[in-house]
Amino acid sequence: MGRHGWGSGAWRWRLTALLGVTVTALALVVTLLNTLPGSGAGTDGTSRNGDRVHGTPTTTPDADTAEVGWGFTHTQDSADEGDSAATDRVRQRIEDAGGLPQNQHIMGWGADNPEPVPGRYDFEDLDRRVDFMRASGSTPVITLCCAPDWMKGGEAGVGNTDWSKAALETAPDPAHFEDYAALAATVAKRYPDVRHFIVWNEFKGFWNEAKARWDHEGYTRLYNLVYRALKKVDPGIMVGGPYLVMDSVDARSADASATFKGAWGAMDQRVLDAFDYWNRNKAGADFVVVDGSSYTNDDELLPDEFAATDKFTAVSRWVRQRTGNLPLWWAEYYVEPADSRDEREGWAENRRVAVQAAGMIALARGGTTSAFYWNPENAKGTDCAGCLWTPTAGSGGGRKLPMFDLVSRFGRSFPPGTAYTTVSVAADDVPNVRVLATDRTILVVNILDRGISAKIDGKRFDMRAYEVKWLSR
C-alpha cells in the first residue's frame, strides 16, 4: 500500500576491489576470503553471531499483551538518523507522549539485508532502529519482511542485494521457507524485548498468476513455519498475520463480493477467500493484522473522503467476527489516494488530518485496538506532507507536525481496553461531524470545508473548516 519508501540505504556498504591481478588470481583470492569468518568481499561487515543479544533490552509497556495501541511505522528515512539535536527532539517528544508503539521491517524501509550470506548477518540498521524505539520508551514491533536475495533465486553476498521494488517484493522460494523461519528466530533472539512480530507484508510475492488469485496456501505455510519458530524461541512471543490488503472495488466489478459491500464499494472476494484460508489453517495467532485504504482499487472515495472511512468499521467488524475477536491490528491505513509518484501531497494539511481522524474513529468503532500510521518522513527539506515531524537532517528538524498531535493524543486518549460512550449531537450537526467519546474525552471532527457552530454533549462551540477538536468531560 501507498508510500512505502522501500529503499535500502545500500550505499553504506563498502565494496572490496582487488585490482592489478589476473582474473584467475582474483577468483582464487575471492574464493579464499569468502571461506574466512568475518572477511572477504562477500561477507564484509557481517557476523555469524546474529542471535547475540544486542544492546540493553528494556521492559516495554506492552510486553505481556497482544494489544499495543496506536503508533507508527518507520520508513526509509526516520528519526534514528540525522542531526543529533533533531533526532533527540523527536525521541524526547515520543517519550513525553508516553511512548508510541513503533514498527520496523527487517529488510527495506530503512534496514539493510539482514542475512546477505547464509548464516552471516548484518543487523546494523535494525540495531539502530531498535535502539531508537528503546530510547523513546516505546513498545517495539518487528515486521518479518522482506527476504534476502539468496532465499528467492538471487545472488548471495554483501553488495549483491537487488534493491529494486520488484526484487524486494519477491517472496522467498518455498525451498527456503524454513531458512526464513530460522532468520525470524535469529531476530527474536537478538532482541528479546521485542515481543510482537508481524509475519510478512501484504502478501508480497504471493500472487498466483495462473489462478488469478492470492497464493494463500503458500503464505500460510510460511506463516506457520515462522510462527512455530518464534514460539520455540519463547512461547511468550506474540505473532500475528496475515497483513493482507483489504482491497475494495466497484460493486459492479467481477471480483466484487456479492454480500460484503457498502456505500464505500464492495470487498474483493479474492481477498476474503485468502483471509478465510489463512484463518482456518493458521498454526495460531495472538493477534490478527490487516491493512488497507478507505478508497477503492480505482482510487475512488465513495461516496466522499469522509464517508469512505466507514469501510474501516465494516472490515474491522468482519475480521473480528471471523477470528473470534482476536485483537485486531491495522498495520497501515490510508485515506488519501496517491498520485502517479506514489506520493500523497494533494490535500491541505488540515483536510488530511481531519480525514485521518475520521479514519481512526472508524477503526476504533469497528473494534481495532492497535494501528500503525505509515510515517512518510522526507530525507531533507522543511515540507513533509502527512509526516509526524519535520526531516531530521538539520539541527532545526525533528519538530512535530499536526499529524503527530493527532496520533499521539489519540493513542493516549483511546488506548486498548477503552470503554467508549455515546454523546448527544444536535440533529442539525449529525451530518457535519464525526465523534468518538469516553467518559473523560470527546474527539470531534468537522468534516466540512467551512466553519460551523456545533452542539455536542450539551455544549455549543464554533469549529473551523476541517477542525479536529478535543473536549474534556
Protein backbone atom coordinates (compact mmCIF):
# COMPACT_ATOMS: atom_id res chain seq x y z
CA MET A 1 0.00 0.00 0.00
CA GLY A 2 0.92 3.58 -0.51
CA ARG A 3 4.17 5.34 0.06
CA HIS A 4 6.40 2.56 1.26
CA GLY A 5 9.85 4.07 0.78
CA TRP A 6 11.38 0.65 0.35
CA GLY A 7 14.98 1.67 -0.50
CA SER A 8 17.77 0.07 1.41
CA GLY A 9 20.45 2.64 2.02
CA ALA A 10 22.83 0.18 0.37
CA TRP A 11 25.30 2.98 -0.34
CA ARG A 12 26.64 2.43 3.15
CA TRP A 13 28.21 -0.82 2.20
CA ARG A 14 31.93 -0.94 1.48
CA LEU A 15 32.95 -2.73 -1.70
CA THR A 16 36.31 -4.53 -1.74
CA ALA A 17 38.18 -4.10 -5.01
CA LEU A 18 41.10 -6.31 -5.90
CA LEU A 19 42.89 -4.66 -8.81
CA GLY A 20 46.04 -5.35 -10.75
CA VAL A 21 45.86 -9.13 -10.67
CA THR A 22 44.86 -11.69 -13.23
CA VAL A 23 41.31 -12.94 -13.47
CA THR A 24 42.39 -16.35 -12.22
CA ALA A 25 44.17 -14.91 -9.21
CA LEU A 26 41.23 -12.65 -8.43
CA ALA A 27 38.82 -15.58 -8.42
CA LEU A 28 41.15 -17.56 -6.18
CA VAL A 29 41.51 -14.72 -3.66
CA VAL A 30 37.78 -14.07 -3.53
CA THR A 31 37.05 -17.77 -3.03
CA LEU A 32 39.58 -17.96 -0.21
CA LEU A 33 38.37 -14.81 1.50
CA ASN A 34 34.78 -15.94 1.34
CA THR A 35 35.68 -19.01 3.37
CA LEU A 36 37.24 -16.99 6.22
CA PRO A 37 34.96 -15.81 9.02
CA GLY A 38 34.32 -12.07 9.01
CA SER A 39 36.37 -11.23 5.94
CA GLY A 40 36.23 -11.32 2.19
CA ALA A 41 34.29 -9.39 -0.43
CA GLY A 42 31.18 -11.46 0.05
CA THR A 43 30.91 -11.14 3.83
CA ASP A 44 32.32 -7.71 4.63
CA GLY A 45 30.56 -6.23 7.64
CA THR A 46 28.68 -9.39 8.58
CA SER A 47 28.87 -11.64 11.60
CA ARG A 48 27.97 -15.21 12.45
CA ASN A 49 26.68 -14.00 15.81
CA GLY A 50 23.32 -12.76 14.61
CA ASP A 51 21.46 -14.19 17.58
CA ARG A 52 23.68 -12.50 20.16
CA VAL A 53 21.57 -10.13 22.26
CA HIS A 54 22.03 -6.56 21.07
CA GLY A 55 22.39 -3.65 23.43
CA THR A 56 20.38 -3.39 26.62
CA PRO A 57 16.87 -4.82 26.37
CA THR A 58 14.20 -2.76 28.09
CA THR A 59 10.90 -3.54 29.73
CA THR A 60 8.40 -2.48 27.11
CA PRO A 61 4.99 -1.02 28.04
CA ASP A 62 3.02 -3.82 26.37
CA ALA A 63 5.32 -6.82 26.83
CA ASP A 64 2.55 -9.09 28.06
CA THR A 65 -0.42 -8.00 25.99
CA ALA A 66 -1.35 -8.55 22.35
CA GLU A 67 -2.81 -5.06 22.12
CA VAL A 68 -0.24 -2.26 21.79
CA GLY A 69 -2.33 0.76 20.84
CA TRP A 70 -1.87 3.49 18.23
CA GLY A 71 1.61 4.18 16.86
CA PHE A 72 3.60 4.43 13.66
CA THR A 73 5.88 2.57 11.25
CA HIS A 74 9.40 3.72 10.43
CA THR A 75 10.07 4.11 6.71
CA GLN A 76 13.25 4.68 4.70
CA ASP A 77 14.11 7.97 6.42
CA SER A 78 13.34 8.32 10.08
CA ALA A 79 14.42 9.93 13.32
CA ASP A 80 17.08 7.35 14.17
CA GLU A 81 19.44 9.22 11.82
CA GLY A 82 20.26 12.86 11.19
CA ASP A 83 21.43 15.78 13.24
CA SER A 84 21.68 14.77 16.90
CA ALA A 85 19.65 17.76 18.09
CA ALA A 86 16.85 16.89 15.68
CA THR A 87 16.80 13.16 16.46
CA ASP A 88 16.88 13.88 20.20
CA ARG A 89 13.98 16.27 19.74
CA VAL A 90 11.84 13.53 18.19
CA ARG A 91 12.92 10.91 20.71
CA GLN A 92 12.04 13.21 23.61
CA ARG A 93 8.72 14.15 22.03
CA ILE A 94 7.75 10.48 21.70
CA GLU A 95 8.87 9.73 25.25
CA ASP A 96 6.92 12.72 26.59
CA ALA A 97 3.84 11.39 24.81
CA GLY A 98 4.15 8.19 26.82
CA GLY A 99 5.88 6.22 24.09
CA LEU A 100 4.22 5.38 20.77
CA PRO A 101 4.30 1.77 19.56
CA GLN A 102 6.78 1.62 16.67
CA ASN A 103 7.09 -0.88 13.85
CA GLN A 104 10.15 -1.66 11.72
CA HIS A 105 10.70 -4.15 8.88
CA ILE A 106 13.80 -6.34 8.95
CA MET A 107 14.76 -5.58 5.33
CA GLY A 108 13.96 -2.47 3.33
CA TRP A 109 12.27 0.67 4.62
CA GLY A 110 15.48 1.77 6.28
CA ALA A 111 17.05 -1.62 7.03
CA ASP A 112 19.77 -3.35 5.01
CA ASN A 113 19.83 -7.02 4.04
CA PRO A 114 19.93 -8.84 7.41
CA GLU A 115 21.46 -12.05 6.07
CA PRO A 116 23.30 -11.34 2.80
CA VAL A 117 25.10 -14.69 3.01
CA PRO A 118 23.57 -17.82 4.56
CA GLY A 119 24.49 -17.85 8.23
CA ARG A 120 26.14 -14.40 8.17
CA TYR A 121 24.22 -11.40 9.45
CA ASP A 122 24.23 -7.61 9.17
CA PHE A 123 21.88 -6.03 11.69
CA GLU A 124 23.50 -2.59 11.91
CA ASP A 125 20.45 -0.71 10.66
CA LEU A 126 17.93 -2.81 12.55
CA ASP A 127 20.01 -2.41 15.71
CA ARG A 128 19.86 1.36 15.34
CA ARG A 129 16.08 1.39 14.84
CA VAL A 130 15.50 -0.88 17.84
CA ASP A 131 17.79 1.34 19.93
CA PHE A 132 15.68 4.35 18.97
CA MET A 133 12.47 2.59 19.97
CA ARG A 134 14.00 1.60 23.28
CA ALA A 135 15.35 5.10 23.97
CA SER A 136 11.94 6.68 23.30
CA GLY A 137 10.22 4.47 25.88
CA SER A 138 8.09 2.71 23.30
CA THR A 139 6.86 -0.77 22.50
CA PRO A 140 8.91 -2.14 19.58
CA VAL A 141 7.23 -4.23 16.88
CA ILE A 142 9.07 -6.02 14.08
CA THR A 143 7.58 -6.94 10.72
CA LEU A 144 9.28 -10.00 9.26
CA CYS A 145 9.65 -8.80 5.69
CA CYS A 146 11.43 -8.96 3.35
CA ALA A 147 13.76 -11.84 2.31
CA PRO A 148 17.49 -11.94 1.47
CA ASP A 149 18.24 -12.47 -2.21
CA TRP A 150 19.65 -15.97 -1.85
CA MET A 151 16.27 -17.10 -0.49
CA LYS A 152 14.48 -16.01 -3.66
CA GLY A 153 16.76 -17.02 -6.51
CA GLY A 154 19.18 -14.10 -6.28
CA GLU A 155 22.88 -13.89 -5.57
CA ALA A 156 24.31 -14.12 -2.07
CA GLY A 157 26.97 -11.72 -0.84
CA VAL A 158 27.36 -8.25 0.55
CA GLY A 159 26.89 -5.73 -2.24
CA ASN A 160 24.84 -8.14 -4.36
CA THR A 161 21.42 -7.26 -2.96
CA ASP A 162 18.93 -6.22 -5.63
CA TRP A 163 17.09 -3.27 -4.13
CA SER A 164 14.62 -2.83 -6.97
CA LYS A 165 10.99 -2.80 -5.88
CA ALA A 166 10.27 -5.94 -7.87
CA ALA A 167 13.08 -7.83 -6.18
CA LEU A 168 12.26 -6.61 -2.69
CA GLU A 169 8.63 -7.60 -3.11
CA THR A 170 9.51 -11.17 -4.12
CA ALA A 171 8.62 -13.85 -1.60
CA PRO A 172 11.19 -16.46 -0.59
CA ASP A 173 11.17 -19.66 -2.60
CA PRO A 174 9.25 -22.44 -0.85
CA ALA A 175 12.52 -24.37 -0.58
CA HIS A 176 13.77 -21.52 1.64
CA PHE A 177 10.71 -21.06 3.84
CA GLU A 178 12.48 -22.88 6.68
CA ASP A 179 15.55 -20.67 6.18
CA TYR A 180 13.32 -17.63 6.54
CA ALA A 181 11.78 -19.04 9.70
CA ALA A 182 15.30 -19.55 11.05
CA LEU A 183 16.11 -15.91 10.27
CA ALA A 184 12.98 -14.86 12.16
CA ALA A 185 14.15 -16.87 15.16
CA THR A 186 17.57 -15.22 14.97
CA VAL A 187 15.93 -11.78 15.04
CA ALA A 188 13.83 -12.77 18.04
CA LYS A 189 16.89 -13.95 19.96
CA ARG A 190 18.79 -10.76 19.14
CA TYR A 191 16.04 -8.50 20.53
CA PRO A 192 14.44 -10.38 23.45
CA ASP A 193 12.44 -7.29 24.44
CA VAL A 194 10.61 -7.32 21.10
CA ARG A 195 7.54 -9.32 21.99
CA HIS A 196 5.37 -8.64 18.92
CA PHE A 197 6.11 -9.91 15.42
CA ILE A 198 4.12 -9.48 12.21
CA VAL A 199 4.71 -12.12 9.54
CA TRP A 200 5.41 -10.67 6.10
CA ASN A 201 3.87 -7.64 4.42
CA GLU A 202 0.78 -7.51 2.21
CA PHE A 203 1.23 -10.98 0.69
CA LYS A 204 4.10 -9.54 -1.37
CA GLY A 205 5.19 -12.13 -3.94
CA PHE A 206 2.25 -14.41 -3.14
CA TRP A 207 0.07 -13.69 -6.15
CA ASN A 208 -0.87 -16.81 -8.17
CA GLU A 209 -0.85 -15.54 -11.73
CA ALA A 210 -2.18 -18.77 -13.22
CA LYS A 211 -5.23 -18.81 -10.97
CA ALA A 212 -5.60 -15.01 -10.80
CA ARG A 213 -5.84 -15.11 -7.03
CA TRP A 214 -3.66 -14.91 -3.95
CA ASP A 215 -1.40 -17.84 -3.13
CA HIS A 216 -2.88 -18.11 0.33
CA GLU A 217 -1.62 -21.68 0.64
CA GLY A 218 1.98 -20.56 0.17
CA TYR A 219 1.69 -17.63 2.55
CA THR A 220 0.03 -19.75 5.23
CA ARG A 221 2.79 -22.34 5.02
CA LEU A 222 5.41 -19.62 5.50
CA TYR A 223 3.40 -18.07 8.32
CA ASN A 224 3.07 -21.36 10.16
CA LEU A 225 6.78 -22.12 9.94
CA VAL A 226 7.65 -18.65 11.24
CA TYR A 227 5.01 -18.87 13.98
CA ARG A 228 6.39 -22.16 15.26
CA ALA A 229 9.99 -20.97 15.05
CA LEU A 230 9.23 -17.87 17.12
CA LYS A 231 7.25 -19.82 19.71
CA LYS A 232 10.19 -22.22 20.02
CA VAL A 233 12.43 -19.27 20.89
CA ASP A 234 9.96 -18.12 23.55
CA PRO A 235 6.32 -19.20 23.90
CA GLY A 236 5.57 -15.71 25.23
CA ILE A 237 6.41 -14.07 21.92
CA MET A 238 3.26 -12.81 20.22
CA VAL A 239 2.78 -13.40 16.50
CA GLY A 240 0.23 -12.11 14.04
CA GLY A 241 -0.74 -12.10 10.37
CA PRO A 242 -1.75 -12.22 7.61
CA TYR A 243 -1.10 -8.47 6.89
CA LEU A 244 -3.42 -8.79 3.90
CA VAL A 245 -4.57 -5.72 1.96
CA MET A 246 -8.33 -5.48 2.41
CA ASP A 247 -8.99 -4.21 -1.11
CA SER A 248 -12.37 -2.88 -2.15
CA VAL A 249 -13.62 -2.47 -5.69
CA ASP A 250 -16.54 -1.01 -7.57
CA ALA A 251 -19.62 -3.06 -6.72
CA ARG A 252 -20.01 -3.85 -10.44
CA SER A 253 -16.57 -5.48 -10.66
CA ALA A 254 -16.35 -9.17 -11.47
CA ASP A 255 -14.21 -9.57 -8.35
CA ALA A 256 -16.69 -7.85 -6.04
CA SER A 257 -18.15 -9.71 -3.09
CA ALA A 258 -21.88 -10.24 -3.51
CA THR A 259 -22.51 -9.91 0.22
CA PHE A 260 -19.83 -7.69 1.75
CA LYS A 261 -20.36 -4.19 0.44
CA GLY A 262 -21.49 -0.69 1.35
CA ALA A 263 -21.67 2.84 0.06
CA TRP A 264 -17.83 2.70 0.03
CA GLY A 265 -17.81 -0.10 -2.58
CA ALA A 266 -17.54 -3.88 -2.33
CA MET A 267 -14.81 -6.06 -0.91
CA ASP A 268 -12.64 -8.00 -3.35
CA GLN A 269 -13.82 -11.59 -2.93
CA ARG A 270 -10.32 -12.92 -3.62
CA VAL A 271 -9.07 -11.08 -0.53
CA LEU A 272 -11.85 -12.50 1.61
CA ASP A 273 -11.06 -16.01 0.35
CA ALA A 274 -7.37 -15.58 1.16
CA PHE A 275 -8.16 -14.33 4.65
CA ASP A 276 -10.54 -17.18 5.36
CA TYR A 277 -7.99 -19.77 4.21
CA TRP A 278 -5.30 -18.35 6.49
CA ASN A 279 -7.75 -18.12 9.37
CA ARG A 280 -8.81 -21.76 9.01
CA ASN A 281 -5.30 -23.15 8.53
CA LYS A 282 -3.05 -20.97 10.69
CA ALA A 283 -0.94 -22.68 13.35
CA GLY A 284 -2.07 -19.99 15.75
CA ALA A 285 -2.20 -16.22 16.17
CA ASP A 286 -2.01 -13.88 19.14
CA PHE A 287 -3.45 -11.02 17.12
CA VAL A 288 -4.68 -10.53 13.57
CA VAL A 289 -3.19 -7.97 11.16
CA VAL A 290 -4.66 -6.36 8.07
CA ASP A 291 -4.16 -3.14 6.18
CA GLY A 292 -5.92 -1.18 3.51
CA SER A 293 -7.36 2.07 2.28
CA SER A 294 -10.74 3.73 2.53
CA TYR A 295 -10.75 4.18 -1.25
CA THR A 296 -11.24 1.51 -3.91
CA ASN A 297 -8.62 -0.05 -6.16
CA ASP A 298 -9.55 2.64 -8.69
CA ASP A 299 -8.80 5.37 -6.12
CA GLU A 300 -12.48 6.21 -5.75
CA LEU A 301 -13.56 7.76 -2.45
CA LEU A 302 -17.16 6.58 -2.21
CA PRO A 303 -19.33 8.50 -1.65
CA ASP A 304 -16.74 11.02 -0.39
CA GLU A 305 -13.49 11.02 1.56
CA PHE A 306 -15.18 11.03 4.98
CA ALA A 307 -17.98 8.56 4.33
CA ALA A 308 -15.48 6.22 2.67
CA THR A 309 -13.83 5.65 6.06
CA ASP A 310 -16.92 3.66 7.07
CA LYS A 311 -15.18 0.81 5.25
CA PHE A 312 -12.69 0.62 8.14
CA THR A 313 -15.51 -0.02 10.58
CA ALA A 314 -17.12 -2.66 8.38
CA VAL A 315 -13.86 -4.51 7.69
CA SER A 316 -12.78 -4.40 11.33
CA ARG A 317 -16.05 -5.92 12.48
CA TRP A 318 -15.88 -8.59 9.77
CA VAL A 319 -12.34 -9.60 10.74
CA ARG A 320 -13.10 -9.73 14.46
CA GLN A 321 -16.17 -11.85 13.85
CA ARG A 322 -14.17 -14.24 11.66
CA THR A 323 -11.35 -14.65 14.19
CA GLY A 324 -13.36 -14.96 17.37
CA ASN A 325 -12.47 -11.41 18.42
CA LEU A 326 -8.70 -11.76 18.31
CA PRO A 327 -7.02 -8.40 19.00
CA LEU A 328 -7.14 -6.52 15.70
CA TRP A 329 -4.21 -4.54 14.27
CA TRP A 330 -4.14 -2.38 11.15
CA ALA A 331 -0.50 -2.33 10.03
CA GLU A 332 -1.31 0.52 7.62
CA TYR A 333 -4.39 2.59 6.87
CA TYR A 334 -4.76 5.13 4.08
CA VAL A 335 -7.42 7.75 3.40
CA GLU A 336 -5.77 9.83 0.67
CA PRO A 337 -5.15 8.29 -2.78
CA ALA A 338 -1.59 8.52 -4.05
CA ASP A 339 -0.51 10.30 -7.22
CA SER A 340 1.50 8.82 -10.11
CA ARG A 341 4.69 9.08 -7.99
CA ASP A 342 3.02 7.21 -5.12
CA GLU A 343 3.01 10.44 -3.11
CA ARG A 344 0.16 11.93 -1.12
CA GLU A 345 0.56 15.67 -1.30
CA GLY A 346 -2.68 16.78 -2.94
CA TRP A 347 -4.61 17.81 0.17
CA ALA A 348 -4.14 20.71 2.54
CA GLU A 349 -2.83 19.50 5.89
CA ASN A 350 -5.99 20.42 7.82
CA ARG A 351 -8.07 18.32 5.42
CA ARG A 352 -5.57 15.47 5.64
CA VAL A 353 -5.60 15.47 9.45
CA ALA A 354 -9.40 15.65 9.57
CA VAL A 355 -9.87 12.67 7.25
CA GLN A 356 -7.20 10.72 9.15
CA ALA A 357 -9.02 11.46 12.39
CA ALA A 358 -12.28 10.25 10.85
CA GLY A 359 -10.49 7.11 9.68
CA MET A 360 -9.10 6.41 13.16
CA ILE A 361 -12.54 6.93 14.66
CA ALA A 362 -13.94 4.43 12.15
CA LEU A 363 -11.25 1.89 13.04
CA ALA A 364 -11.95 2.25 16.75
CA ARG A 365 -15.68 1.86 16.21
CA GLY A 366 -15.01 -1.42 14.43
CA GLY A 367 -13.02 -2.84 17.34
CA THR A 368 -9.47 -2.05 16.24
CA THR A 369 -7.16 -1.82 19.23
CA SER A 370 -3.79 -1.26 17.54
CA ALA A 371 -2.88 0.61 14.37
CA PHE A 372 0.29 1.99 12.82
CA TYR A 373 0.44 5.23 10.90
CA TRP A 374 2.80 4.91 7.93
CA ASN A 375 5.17 7.82 8.62
CA PRO A 376 6.49 9.17 5.31
CA GLU A 377 9.44 11.24 6.54
CA ASN A 378 11.34 13.10 3.82
CA ALA A 379 15.14 12.88 3.71
CA LYS A 380 15.58 16.65 3.79
CA GLY A 381 13.85 19.98 3.37
CA THR A 382 11.18 21.58 5.51
CA ASP A 383 7.96 20.33 3.91
CA CYS A 384 6.66 16.87 4.64
CA ALA A 385 3.03 16.22 3.73
CA GLY A 386 1.37 13.96 6.26
CA CYS A 387 4.53 13.42 8.29
CA LEU A 388 4.72 13.21 12.06
CA TRP A 389 7.73 15.53 12.28
CA THR A 390 9.97 17.60 10.03
CA PRO A 391 13.03 15.93 8.45
CA THR A 392 15.87 15.35 10.92
CA ALA A 393 18.73 16.08 8.52
CA GLY A 394 19.38 19.54 10.02
CA SER A 395 19.63 20.85 13.58
CA GLY A 396 16.28 22.62 13.24
CA GLY A 397 14.49 19.46 12.16
CA GLY A 398 12.52 16.94 14.12
CA ARG A 399 9.77 19.38 15.03
CA LYS A 400 6.31 17.95 15.47
CA LEU A 401 3.70 18.35 12.77
CA PRO A 402 -0.10 18.26 13.11
CA MET A 403 -0.28 14.53 12.41
CA PHE A 404 1.94 13.83 15.43
CA ASP A 405 -0.52 15.61 17.70
CA LEU A 406 -3.38 13.55 16.27
CA VAL A 407 -1.69 10.14 16.50
CA SER A 408 -0.11 10.67 19.92
CA ARG A 409 -3.21 12.17 21.53
CA PHE A 410 -5.48 9.55 20.01
CA GLY A 411 -3.20 6.88 21.48
CA ARG A 412 -3.26 8.45 24.94
CA SER A 413 -7.00 9.09 24.93
CA PHE A 414 -8.17 5.78 23.43
CA PRO A 415 -5.77 3.01 24.49
CA PRO A 416 -6.65 -0.69 24.24
CA GLY A 417 -9.47 -1.54 26.60
CA THR A 418 -11.14 1.86 26.25
CA ALA A 419 -14.83 1.90 27.07
CA TYR A 420 -16.49 4.15 24.52
CA THR A 421 -19.64 6.07 25.35
CA THR A 422 -22.29 7.91 23.38
CA VAL A 423 -22.77 11.67 23.50
CA SER A 424 -25.57 13.89 22.32
CA VAL A 425 -25.13 15.62 18.98
CA ALA A 426 -27.64 18.21 17.78
CA ALA A 427 -29.68 16.83 14.91
CA ASP A 428 -28.55 19.54 12.52
CA ASP A 429 -24.90 18.75 13.33
CA VAL A 430 -25.01 14.97 12.85
CA PRO A 431 -24.17 15.12 9.11
CA ASN A 432 -21.30 17.57 9.71
CA VAL A 433 -19.20 15.89 12.39
CA ARG A 434 -17.58 12.62 13.40
CA VAL A 435 -17.40 11.96 17.14
CA LEU A 436 -15.65 9.48 19.44
CA ALA A 437 -16.02 9.70 23.20
CA THR A 438 -15.22 8.18 26.57
CA ASP A 439 -16.46 9.31 29.95
CA ARG A 440 -13.50 11.72 30.05
CA THR A 441 -12.71 12.79 26.49
CA ILE A 442 -14.56 13.69 23.31
CA LEU A 443 -12.94 13.89 19.87
CA VAL A 444 -14.92 15.92 17.33
CA VAL A 445 -14.08 16.31 13.63
CA ASN A 446 -15.66 18.93 11.39
CA ILE A 447 -15.92 17.18 8.03
CA LEU A 448 -16.84 20.36 6.13
CA ASP A 449 -14.55 22.78 4.32
CA ARG A 450 -16.17 25.67 6.17
CA GLY A 451 -16.69 26.80 9.71
CA ILE A 452 -19.65 25.51 11.71
CA SER A 453 -21.31 26.00 15.08
CA ALA A 454 -21.85 22.60 16.67
CA LYS A 455 -23.67 21.46 19.78
CA ILE A 456 -22.04 18.35 21.26
CA ASP A 457 -22.69 16.86 24.71
CA GLY A 458 -24.96 19.79 25.52
CA LYS A 459 -22.34 22.44 24.75
CA ARG A 460 -22.24 24.72 21.70
CA PHE A 461 -18.96 25.86 20.17
CA ASP A 462 -17.52 27.05 16.88
CA MET A 463 -15.29 24.90 14.68
CA ARG A 464 -13.06 25.97 11.80
CA ALA A 465 -13.06 24.21 8.46
CA TYR A 466 -11.82 20.62 8.93
CA GLU A 467 -11.02 21.31 12.56
CA VAL A 468 -10.18 18.45 14.92
CA LYS A 469 -11.23 19.40 18.45
CA TRP A 470 -10.63 17.67 21.78
CA LEU A 471 -13.08 18.24 24.63
CA SER A 472 -12.87 17.24 28.28
CA ARG A 473 -15.95 15.99 30.10
